Amino acid sequence: MTAVDRWHASPARQASATADSGTGEVRVPLVLFQFDQLKGTAELVLTRLEAAELYTLLACMLGGTGRASAGRLA
């Protein structure tokens, strides 16, 4: 089994996030790294509510407040 505690994910640069109007899912393509070595790809799959909460949280953090209350994602 591979330990993933030192891995990180970044948005895939050549791919765009997609939204499914039928299910409400939002999919964000990611690339997975261990340090600077590419390990694979994955999709972050969120419900519409989770995506909205994450968007709000990131907007608050980027706006300089550094704090946000985004329910489950905080």
PDB file of N, CA and C in Angstrom:
ATOM      1  N   MET A   1       0.846  -1.186   0.000  1.00  0.00           N
ATOM      2  CA  MET A   1       0.000   0.000   0.000  1.00  0.00           C
ATOM      3  C   MET A   1       0.889   1.246   0.000  1.00  0.00           C
ATOM      4  N   THR A   2       0.530   2.205  -0.811  1.00  0.00           N
ATOM      5  CA  THR A   2       1.300   3.435  -0.926  1.00  0.00           C
ATOM      6  C   THR A   2       0.790   4.471   0.063  1.00  0.00           C
ATOM      7  N   ALA A   3       1.707   5.034   0.841  1.00  0.00           N
ATOM      8  CA  ALA A   3       1.331   6.116   1.766  1.00  0.00           C
ATOM      9  C   ALA A   3       1.147   7.393   0.956  1.00  0.00           C
ATOM     10  N   VAL A   4       0.065   8.104   1.193  1.00  0.00           N
ATOM     11  CA  VAL A   4      -0.226   9.320   0.425  1.00  0.00           C
ATOM     12  C   VAL A   4      -0.200  10.570   1.298  1.00  0.00           C
ATOM     13  N   ASP A   5       0.340  10.463   2.499  1.00  0.00           N
ATOM     14  CA  ASP A   5       0.318  11.599   3.414  1.00  0.00           C
ATOM     15  C   ASP A   5       1.170  12.771   2.936  1.00  0.00           C
ATOM     16  N   ARG A   6       2.099  12.561   2.034  1.00  0.00           N
ATOM     17  CA  ARG A   6       2.937  13.651   1.517  1.00  0.00           C
ATOM     18  C   ARG A   6       2.570  14.015   0.085  1.00  0.00           C
ATOM     19  N   TRP A   7       1.416  13.563  -0.364  1.00  0.00           N
ATOM     20  CA  TRP A   7       0.957  13.886  -1.707  1.00  0.00           C
ATOM     21  C   TRP A   7       0.212  15.212  -1.686  1.00  0.00           C
ATOM     22  N   HIS A   8       0.113  15.842  -2.832  1.00  0.00           N
ATOM     23  CA  HIS A   8      -0.746  17.014  -2.973  1.00  0.00           C
ATOM     24  C   HIS A   8      -1.401  16.976  -4.342  1.00  0.00           C
ATOM     25  N   ALA A   9      -2.475  17.713  -4.476  1.00  0.00           N
ATOM     26  CA  ALA A   9      -3.232  17.757  -5.727  1.00  0.00           C
ATOM     27  C   ALA A   9      -3.284  19.185  -6.231  1.00  0.00           C
ATOM     28  N   SER A  10      -3.275  19.307  -7.548  1.00  0.00           N
ATOM     29  CA  SER A  10      -3.418  20.600  -8.208  1.00  0.00           C
ATOM     30  C   SER A  10      -4.437  20.445  -9.327  1.00  0.00           C
ATOM     31  N   PRO A  11      -5.137  21.521  -9.659  1.00  0.00           N
ATOM     32  CA  PRO A  11      -6.060  21.421 -10.803  1.00  0.00           C
ATOM     33  C   PRO A  11      -5.287  21.047 -12.073  1.00  0.00           C
ATOM     34  N   ALA A  12      -5.862  20.189 -12.890  1.00  0.00           N
ATOM     35  CA  ALA A  12      -5.248  19.817 -14.159  1.00  0.00           C
ATOM     36  C   ALA A  12      -5.313  21.016 -15.098  1.00  0.00           C
ATOM     37  N   ARG A  13      -4.185  21.428 -15.623  1.00  0.00           N
ATOM     38  CA  ARG A  13      -4.122  22.645 -16.434  1.00  0.00           C
ATOM     39  C   ARG A  13      -4.775  22.496 -17.796  1.00  0.00           C
ATOM     40  N   GLN A  14      -4.772  21.317 -18.363  1.00  0.00           N
ATOM     41  CA  GLN A  14      -5.330  21.125 -19.699  1.00  0.00           C
ATOM     42  C   GLN A  14      -6.811  20.748 -19.674  1.00  0.00           C
ATOM     43  N   ALA A  15      -7.412  20.692 -18.523  1.00  0.00           N
ATOM     44  CA  ALA A  15      -8.803  20.261 -18.413  1.00  0.00           C
ATOM     45  C   ALA A  15      -9.608  21.289 -17.636  1.00  0.00           C
ATOM     46  N   SER A  16     -10.878  21.354 -17.950  1.00  0.00           N
ATOM     47  CA  SER A  16     -11.777  22.289 -17.266  1.00  0.00           C
ATOM     48  C   SER A  16     -12.724  21.539 -16.346  1.00  0.00           C
ATOM     49  N   ALA A  17     -13.139  22.218 -15.315  1.00  0.00           N
ATOM     50  CA  ALA A  17     -14.174  21.661 -14.435  1.00  0.00           C
ATOM     51  C   ALA A  17     -15.473  21.576 -15.233  1.00  0.00           C
ATOM     52  N   THR A  18     -16.303  20.614 -14.874  1.00  0.00           N
ATOM     53  CA  THR A  18     -17.590  20.453 -15.543  1.00  0.00           C
ATOM     54  C   THR A  18     -18.703  20.372 -14.509  1.00  0.00           C
ATOM     55  N   ALA A  19     -19.896  20.728 -14.934  1.00  0.00           N
ATOM     56  CA  ALA A  19     -21.079  20.628 -14.075  1.00  0.00           C
ATOM     57  C   ALA A  19     -22.137  19.837 -14.828  1.00  0.00           C
ATOM     58  N   ASP A  20     -22.788  18.943 -14.127  1.00  0.00           N
ATOM     59  CA  ASP A  20     -23.867  18.141 -14.694  1.00  0.00           C
ATOM     60  C   ASP A  20     -25.184  18.702 -14.181  1.00  0.00           C
ATOM     61  N   SER A  21     -25.956  19.301 -15.063  1.00  0.00           N
ATOM     62  CA  SER A  21     -27.210  19.926 -14.628  1.00  0.00           C
ATOM     63  C   SER A  21     -28.233  18.895 -14.159  1.00  0.00           C
ATOM     64  N   GLY A  22     -28.098  17.663 -14.611  1.00  0.00           N
ATOM     65  CA  GLY A  22     -29.032  16.622 -14.194  1.00  0.00           C
ATOM     66  C   GLY A  22     -28.813  16.151 -12.771  1.00  0.00           C
ATOM     67  N   THR A  23     -27.550  15.881 -12.424  1.00  0.00           N
ATOM     68  CA  THR A  23     -27.241  15.362 -11.092  1.00  0.00           C
ATOM     69  C   THR A  23     -26.810  16.455 -10.126  1.00  0.00           C
ATOM     70  N   GLY A  24     -26.373  17.593 -10.662  1.00  0.00           N
ATOM     71  CA  GLY A  24     -25.869  18.660  -9.810  1.00  0.00           C
ATOM     72  C   GLY A  24     -24.401  18.494  -9.455  1.00  0.00           C
ATOM     73  N   GLU A  25     -23.773  17.423  -9.947  1.00  0.00           N
ATOM     74  CA  GLU A  25     -22.365  17.194  -9.637  1.00  0.00           C
ATOM     75  C   GLU A  25     -21.472  18.198 -10.346  1.00  0.00           C
ATOM     76  N   VAL A  26     -20.428  18.602  -9.642  1.00  0.00           N
ATOM     77  CA  VAL A  26     -19.365  19.421 -10.213  1.00  0.00           C
ATOM     78  C   VAL A  26     -18.106  18.565 -10.129  1.00  0.00           C
ATOM     79  N   ARG A  27     -17.408  18.437 -11.271  1.00  0.00           N
ATOM     80  CA  ARG A  27     -16.195  17.613 -11.326  1.00  0.00           C
ATOM     81  C   ARG A  27     -15.006  18.489 -11.672  1.00  0.00           C
ATOM     82  N   VAL A  28     -13.975  18.407 -10.832  1.00  0.00           N
ATOM     83  CA  VAL A  28     -12.753  19.181 -11.032  1.00  0.00           C
ATOM     84  C   VAL A  28     -11.613  18.198 -11.290  1.00  0.00           C
ATOM     85  N   PRO A  29     -11.047  18.186 -12.504  1.00  0.00           N
ATOM     86  CA  PRO A  29      -9.924  17.297 -12.783  1.00  0.00           C
ATOM     87  C   PRO A  29      -8.681  17.734 -12.009  1.00  0.00           C
ATOM     88  N   LEU A  30      -8.018  16.768 -11.380  1.00  0.00           N
ATOM     89  CA  LEU A  30      -6.833  17.041 -10.566  1.00  0.00           C
ATOM     90  C   LEU A  30      -5.660  16.201 -11.051  1.00  0.00           C
ATOM     91  N   VAL A  31      -4.451  16.684 -10.805  1.00  0.00           N
ATOM     92  CA  VAL A  31      -3.240  15.888 -10.965  1.00  0.00           C
ATOM     93  C   VAL A  31      -2.648  15.706  -9.574  1.00  0.00           C
ATOM     94  N   LEU A  32      -2.140  14.513  -9.319  1.00  0.00           N
ATOM     95  CA  LEU A  32      -1.637  14.152  -7.996  1.00  0.00           C
ATOM     96  C   LEU A  32      -0.118  14.049  -8.028  1.00  0.00           C
ATOM     97  N   PHE A  33       0.527  14.656  -7.023  1.00  0.00           N
ATOM     98  CA  PHE A  33       1.977  14.674  -6.949  1.00  0.00           C
ATOM     99  C   PHE A  33       2.460  14.201  -5.580  1.00  0.00           C
ATOM    100  N   GLN A  34       3.623  13.587  -5.570  1.00  0.00           N
ATOM    101  CA  GLN A  34       4.372  13.359  -4.338  1.00  0.00           C
ATOM    102  C   GLN A  34       5.628  14.192  -4.510  1.00  0.00           C
ATOM    103  N   PHE A  35       5.716  15.242  -3.734  1.00  0.00           N
ATOM    104  CA  PHE A  35       6.719  16.287  -3.939  1.00  0.00           C
ATOM    105  C   PHE A  35       6.503  16.820  -5.354  1.00  0.00           C
ATOM    106  N   ASP A  36       7.455  16.709  -6.257  1.00  0.00           N
ATOM    107  CA  ASP A  36       7.271  17.197  -7.622  1.00  0.00           C
ATOM    108  C   ASP A  36       7.132  16.070  -8.638  1.00  0.00           C
ATOM    109  N   GLN A  37       6.889  14.865  -8.175  1.00  0.00           N
ATOM    110  CA  GLN A  37       6.772  13.721  -9.069  1.00  0.00           C
ATOM    111  C   GLN A  37       5.297  13.397  -9.312  1.00  0.00           C
ATOM    112  N   LEU A  38       4.900  13.418 -10.576  1.00  0.00           N
ATOM    113  CA  LEU A  38       3.527  13.105 -10.946  1.00  0.00           C
ATOM    114  C   LEU A  38       3.200  11.666 -10.567  1.00  0.00           C
ATOM    115  N   LYS A  39       2.093  11.487  -9.866  1.00  0.00           N
ATOM    116  CA  LYS A  39       1.677  10.155  -9.432  1.00  0.00           C
ATOM    117  C   LYS A  39       0.403   9.679 -10.110  1.00  0.00           C
ATOM    118  N   GLY A  40      -0.391  10.603 -10.638  1.00  0.00           N
ATOM    119  CA  GLY A  40      -1.623  10.178 -11.286  1.00  0.00           C
ATOM    120  C   GLY A  40      -2.618  11.310 -11.395  1.00  0.00           C
ATOM    121  N   THR A  41      -3.818  10.953 -11.773  1.00  0.00           N
ATOM    122  CA  THR A  41      -4.895  11.924 -11.916  1.00  0.00           C
ATOM    123  C   THR A  41      -6.122  11.432 -11.153  1.00  0.00           C
ATOM    124  N   ALA A  42      -7.006  12.347 -10.860  1.00  0.00           N
ATOM    125  CA  ALA A  42      -8.254  12.020 -10.170  1.00  0.00           C
ATOM    126  C   ALA A  42      -9.237  13.151 -10.437  1.00  0.00           C
ATOM    127  N   GLU A  43     -10.481  12.924 -10.122  1.00  0.00           N
ATOM    128  CA  GLU A  43     -11.491  13.975 -10.193  1.00  0.00           C
ATOM    129  C   GLU A  43     -12.025  14.253  -8.803  1.00  0.00           C
ATOM    130  N   LEU A  44     -12.095  15.523  -8.449  1.00  0.00           N
ATOM    131  CA  LEU A  44     -12.777  15.934  -7.237  1.00  0.00           C
ATOM    132  C   LEU A  44     -14.241  16.083  -7.628  1.00  0.00           C
ATOM    133  N   VAL A  45     -15.111  15.287  -7.032  1.00  0.00           N
ATOM    134  CA  VAL A  45     -16.532  15.308  -7.363  1.00  0.00           C
ATOM    135  C   VAL A  45     -17.289  15.896  -6.176  1.00  0.00           C
ATOM    136  N   LEU A  46     -18.002  16.990  -6.431  1.00  0.00           N
ATOM    137  CA  LEU A  46     -18.734  17.711  -5.396  1.00  0.00           C
ATOM    138  C   LEU A  46     -20.202  17.817  -5.768  1.00  0.00           C
ATOM    139  N   THR A  47     -21.053  17.864  -4.764  1.00  0.00           N
ATOM    140  CA  THR A  47     -22.445  18.208  -5.022  1.00  0.00           C
ATOM    141  C   THR A  47     -22.499  19.708  -5.330  1.00  0.00           C
ATOM    142  N   ARG A  48     -23.614  20.147  -5.846  1.00  0.00           N
ATOM    143  CA  ARG A  48     -23.767  21.582  -6.131  1.00  0.00           C
ATOM    144  C   ARG A  48     -23.582  22.406  -4.857  1.00  0.00           C
ATOM    145  N   LEU A  49     -24.139  21.948  -3.743  1.00  0.00           N
ATOM    146  CA  LEU A  49     -24.011  22.660  -2.463  1.00  0.00           C
ATOM    147  C   LEU A  49     -22.558  22.676  -1.996  1.00  0.00           C
ATOM    148  N   GLU A  50     -21.869  21.532  -2.074  1.00  0.00           N
ATOM    149  CA  GLU A  50     -20.459  21.488  -1.675  1.00  0.00           C
ATOM    150  C   GLU A  50     -19.613  22.433  -2.532  1.00  0.00           C
ATOM    151  N   ALA A  51     -19.880  22.472  -3.829  1.00  0.00           N
ATOM    152  CA  ALA A  51     -19.130  23.360  -4.726  1.00  0.00           C
ATOM    153  C   ALA A  51     -19.367  24.821  -4.353  1.00  0.00           C
ATOM    154  N   ALA A  52     -20.612  25.174  -4.042  1.00  0.00           N
ATOM    155  CA  ALA A  52     -20.927  26.553  -3.655  1.00  0.00           C
ATOM    156  C   ALA A  52     -20.245  26.910  -2.332  1.00  0.00           C
ATOM    157  N   GLU A  53     -20.243  25.976  -1.382  1.00  0.00           N
ATOM    158  CA  GLU A  53     -19.589  26.218  -0.092  1.00  0.00           C
ATOM    159  C   GLU A  53     -18.080  26.383  -0.273  1.00  0.00           C
ATOM    160  N   LEU A  54     -17.472  25.541  -1.106  1.00  0.00           N
ATOM    161  CA  LEU A  54     -16.038  25.644  -1.357  1.00  0.00           C
ATOM    162  C   LEU A  54     -15.714  26.967  -2.052  1.00  0.00           C
ATOM    163  N   TYR A  55     -16.536  27.358  -3.003  1.00  0.00           N
ATOM    164  CA  TYR A  55     -16.348  28.635  -3.702  1.00  0.00           C
ATOM    165  C   TYR A  55     -16.385  29.804  -2.709  1.00  0.00           C
ATOM    166  N   THR A  56     -17.352  29.785  -1.808  1.00  0.00           N
ATOM    167  CA  THR A  56     -17.475  30.839  -0.801  1.00  0.00           C
ATOM    168  C   THR A  56     -16.256  30.854   0.119  1.00  0.00           C
ATOM    169  N   LEU A  57     -15.836  29.687   0.562  1.00  0.00           N
ATOM    170  CA  LEU A  57     -14.665  29.583   1.434  1.00  0.00           C
ATOM    171  C   LEU A  57     -13.415  30.126   0.751  1.00  0.00           C
ATOM    172  N   LEU A  58     -13.187  29.724  -0.488  1.00  0.00           N
ATOM    173  CA  LEU A  58     -12.003  30.197  -1.216  1.00  0.00           C
ATOM    174  C   LEU A  58     -12.077  31.693  -1.484  1.00  0.00           C
ATOM    175  N   ALA A  59     -13.260  32.196  -1.823  1.00  0.00           N
ATOM    176  CA  ALA A  59     -13.423  33.630  -2.068  1.00  0.00           C
ATOM    177  C   ALA A  59     -13.093  34.434  -0.815  1.00  0.00           C
ATOM    178  N   CYS A  60     -13.522  33.962   0.345  1.00  0.00           N
ATOM    179  CA  CYS A  60     -13.215  34.650   1.602  1.00  0.00           C
ATOM    180  C   CYS A  60     -11.722  34.616   1.884  1.00  0.00           C
ATOM    181  N   MET A  61     -11.100  33.489   1.654  1.00  0.00           N
ATOM    182  CA  MET A  61      -9.665  33.367   1.909  1.00  0.00           C
ATOM    183  C   MET A  61      -8.862  34.239   0.941  1.00  0.00           C
ATOM    184  N   LEU A  62      -9.270  34.290  -0.307  1.00  0.00           N
ATOM    185  CA  LEU A  62      -8.579  35.115  -1.298  1.00  0.00           C
ATOM    186  C   LEU A  62      -8.858  36.592  -1.090  1.00  0.00           C
ATOM    187  N   GLY A  63      -9.984  36.912  -0.444  1.00  0.00           N
ATOM    188  CA  GLY A  63     -10.334  38.290  -0.173  1.00  0.00           C
ATOM    189  C   GLY A  63      -9.580  38.874   1.004  1.00  0.00           C
ATOM    190  N   GLY A  64      -8.764  38.063   1.653  1.00  0.00           N
ATOM    191  CA  GLY A  64      -7.927  38.567   2.723  1.00  0.00           C
ATOM    192  C   GLY A  64      -8.445  38.332   4.124  1.00  0.00           C
ATOM    193  N   THR A  65      -9.655  37.788   4.260  1.00  0.00           N
ATOM    194  CA  THR A  65     -10.157  37.575   5.611  1.00  0.00           C
ATOM    195  C   THR A  65      -9.516  36.362   6.255  1.00  0.00           C
ATOM    196  N   GLY A  66      -9.169  35.362   5.429  1.00  0.00           N
ATOM    197  CA  GLY A  66      -8.526  34.163   5.957  1.00  0.00           C
ATOM    198  C   GLY A  66      -9.457  33.269   6.741  1.00  0.00           C
ATOM    199  N   ARG A  67     -10.684  33.697   6.954  1.00  0.00           N
ATOM    200  CA  ARG A  67     -11.636  32.896   7.711  1.00  0.00           C
ATOM    201  C   ARG A  67     -12.978  32.915   6.992  1.00  0.00           C
ATOM    202  N   ALA A  68     -13.633  31.793   7.027  1.00  0.00           N
ATOM    203  CA  ALA A  68     -14.970  31.717   6.439  1.00  0.00           C
ATOM    204  C   ALA A  68     -15.719  30.599   7.140  1.00  0.00           C
ATOM    205  N   SER A  69     -17.008  30.710   7.159  1.00  0.00           N
ATOM    206  CA  SER A  69     -17.803  29.630   7.714  1.00  0.00           C
ATOM    207  C   SER A  69     -18.562  29.034   6.555  1.00  0.00           C
ATOM    208  N   ALA A  70     -18.080  27.872   6.117  1.00  0.00           N
ATOM    209  CA  ALA A  70     -18.674  27.235   4.945  1.00  0.00           C
ATOM    210  C   ALA A  70     -19.211  25.859   5.292  1.00  0.00           C
ATOM    211  N   GLY A  71     -19.839  25.738   6.415  1.00  0.00           N
ATOM    212  CA  GLY A  71     -20.479  24.485   6.804  1.00  0.00           C
ATOM    213  C   GLY A  71     -19.507  23.329   6.885  1.00  0.00           C
ATOM    214  N   ARG A  72     -19.800  22.254   6.150  1.00  0.00           N
ATOM    215  CA  ARG A  72     -19.006  21.024   6.217  1.00  0.00           C
ATOM    216  C   ARG A  72     -17.583  21.219   5.741  1.00  0.00           C
ATOM    217  N   LEU A  73     -17.328  22.157   4.833  1.00  0.00           N
ATOM    218  CA  LEU A  73     -16.000  22.288   4.243  1.00  0.00           C
ATOM    219  C   LEU A  73     -15.047  23.099   5.102  1.00  0.00           C
ATOM    220  N   ALA A  74     -15.550  23.795   6.075  1.00  0.00           N
ATOM    221  CA  ALA A  74     -14.668  24.654   6.898  1.00  0.00           C
ATOM    222  C   ALA A  74     -13.852  23.830   7.848  1.00  0.00           C
TER     223      ALA A  74
END
